[in-house]
């Protein structure tokens, strides 16, 4: 990820108050937030770990393409 692509937006006083980031980075951040939320539950943590160990299934990128996410 090219972190140099992040743009900072300032108001008329020079205070940075907004950020524009590439959508790929936004998706990474959202994914990490969701994972953190899910890991707060022991039951969900177990489910995620079991899913991670599975050998069959579809990669996240494939699911996103299939469902146009």
C-alpha atoms as a PDB file:
ATOM      1  CA  UNK A   1       0.000   0.000   0.000  1.00  0.00           C
ATOM      2  CA  UNK A   2       1.289   3.426  -0.942  1.00  0.00           C
ATOM      3  CA  UNK A   3       0.801   5.501   2.193  1.00  0.00           C
ATOM      4  CA  UNK A   4       1.986   8.552   0.244  1.00  0.00           C
ATOM      5  CA  UNK A   5      -1.400   8.488  -1.510  1.00  0.00           C
ATOM      6  CA  UNK A   6      -3.072   9.689   1.706  1.00  0.00           C
ATOM      7  CA  UNK A   7      -4.276  13.291   1.400  1.00  0.00           C
ATOM      8  CA  UNK A   8      -4.797  15.592   4.370  1.00  0.00           C
ATOM      9  CA  UNK A   9      -7.432  18.320   4.149  1.00  0.00           C
ATOM     10  CA  UNK A  10      -7.040  21.502   6.188  1.00  0.00           C
ATOM     11  CA  UNK A  11      -9.455  24.278   7.061  1.00  0.00           C
ATOM     12  CA  UNK A  12      -8.822  27.988   6.499  1.00  0.00           C
ATOM     13  CA  UNK A  13      -6.795  28.118   9.741  1.00  0.00           C
ATOM     14  CA  UNK A  14      -4.472  25.338   8.636  1.00  0.00           C
ATOM     15  CA  UNK A  15      -5.953  22.755  11.010  1.00  0.00           C
ATOM     16  CA  UNK A  16      -6.054  19.272   9.515  1.00  0.00           C
ATOM     17  CA  UNK A  17      -9.625  18.062   9.858  1.00  0.00           C
ATOM     18  CA  UNK A  18     -10.130  15.450   7.149  1.00  0.00           C
ATOM     19  CA  UNK A  19      -8.220  12.689   5.421  1.00  0.00           C
ATOM     20  CA  UNK A  20      -8.691  11.208   1.958  1.00  0.00           C
ATOM     21  CA  UNK A  21      -7.349   7.671   1.623  1.00  0.00           C
ATOM     22  CA  UNK A  22      -7.311   5.117  -1.194  1.00  0.00           C
ATOM     23  CA  UNK A  23     -10.246   2.712  -1.079  1.00  0.00           C
ATOM     24  CA  UNK A  24      -7.898  -0.286  -0.711  1.00  0.00           C
ATOM     25  CA  UNK A  25      -6.500   1.163   2.512  1.00  0.00           C
ATOM     26  CA  UNK A  26     -10.033   1.955   3.721  1.00  0.00           C
ATOM     27  CA  UNK A  27     -11.037  -1.670   3.169  1.00  0.00           C
ATOM     28  CA  UNK A  28      -7.979  -2.848   5.129  1.00  0.00           C
ATOM     29  CA  UNK A  29      -8.891  -0.562   8.015  1.00  0.00           C
ATOM     30  CA  UNK A  30     -12.529  -1.669   7.975  1.00  0.00           C
ATOM     31  CA  UNK A  31     -11.466  -5.313   7.921  1.00  0.00           C
ATOM     32  CA  UNK A  32      -9.198  -4.810  10.927  1.00  0.00           C
ATOM     33  CA  UNK A  33     -11.963  -3.024  12.830  1.00  0.00           C
ATOM     34  CA  UNK A  34     -14.403  -5.841  12.088  1.00  0.00           C
ATOM     35  CA  UNK A  35     -11.892  -8.515  13.092  1.00  0.00           C
ATOM     36  CA  UNK A  36     -11.145  -6.697  16.343  1.00  0.00           C
ATOM     37  CA  UNK A  37     -14.871  -6.485  17.078  1.00  0.00           C
ATOM     38  CA  UNK A  38     -15.400 -10.173  16.349  1.00  0.00           C
ATOM     39  CA  UNK A  39     -12.439 -11.223  18.476  1.00  0.00           C
ATOM     40  CA  UNK A  40     -14.048  -9.630  21.527  1.00  0.00           C
ATOM     41  CA  UNK A  41     -16.386 -12.621  21.682  1.00  0.00           C
ATOM     42  CA  UNK A  42     -14.798 -15.949  22.627  1.00  0.00           C
ATOM     43  CA  UNK A  43     -17.374 -17.826  20.549  1.00  0.00           C
ATOM     44  CA  UNK A  44     -16.628 -15.731  17.453  1.00  0.00           C
ATOM     45  CA  UNK A  45     -12.882 -16.072  18.048  1.00  0.00           C
ATOM     46  CA  UNK A  46     -13.257 -19.866  18.012  1.00  0.00           C
ATOM     47  CA  UNK A  47     -15.302 -19.702  14.800  1.00  0.00           C
ATOM     48  CA  UNK A  48     -12.752 -17.453  13.096  1.00  0.00           C
ATOM     49  CA  UNK A  49      -9.841 -19.681  14.098  1.00  0.00           C
ATOM     50  CA  UNK A  50     -11.664 -22.779  12.835  1.00  0.00           C
ATOM     51  CA  UNK A  51     -12.447 -21.030   9.566  1.00  0.00           C
ATOM     52  CA  UNK A  52      -8.813 -19.968   9.202  1.00  0.00           C
ATOM     53  CA  UNK A  53      -7.650 -23.584   9.592  1.00  0.00           C
ATOM     54  CA  UNK A  54     -10.045 -24.870   6.918  1.00  0.00           C
ATOM     55  CA  UNK A  55      -8.352 -25.982   3.723  1.00  0.00           C
ATOM     56  CA  UNK A  56     -11.378 -25.631   1.464  1.00  0.00           C
ATOM     57  CA  UNK A  57     -13.417 -22.582   0.687  1.00  0.00           C
ATOM     58  CA  UNK A  58     -13.000 -19.356  -1.204  1.00  0.00           C
ATOM     59  CA  UNK A  59     -10.478 -16.562  -0.782  1.00  0.00           C
ATOM     60  CA  UNK A  60     -11.845 -13.199   0.333  1.00  0.00           C
ATOM     61  CA  UNK A  61     -10.899 -11.592  -2.992  1.00  0.00           C
ATOM     62  CA  UNK A  62     -12.896 -14.252  -4.832  1.00  0.00           C
ATOM     63  CA  UNK A  63     -15.923 -13.660  -2.610  1.00  0.00           C
ATOM     64  CA  UNK A  64     -15.693  -9.895  -3.153  1.00  0.00           C
ATOM     65  CA  UNK A  65     -15.535 -10.351  -6.928  1.00  0.00           C
ATOM     66  CA  UNK A  66     -18.386 -12.857  -6.897  1.00  0.00           C
ATOM     67  CA  UNK A  67     -20.633 -10.557  -4.860  1.00  0.00           C
ATOM     68  CA  UNK A  68     -19.242  -7.325  -6.351  1.00  0.00           C
ATOM     69  CA  UNK A  69     -18.224  -5.962  -2.961  1.00  0.00           C
END
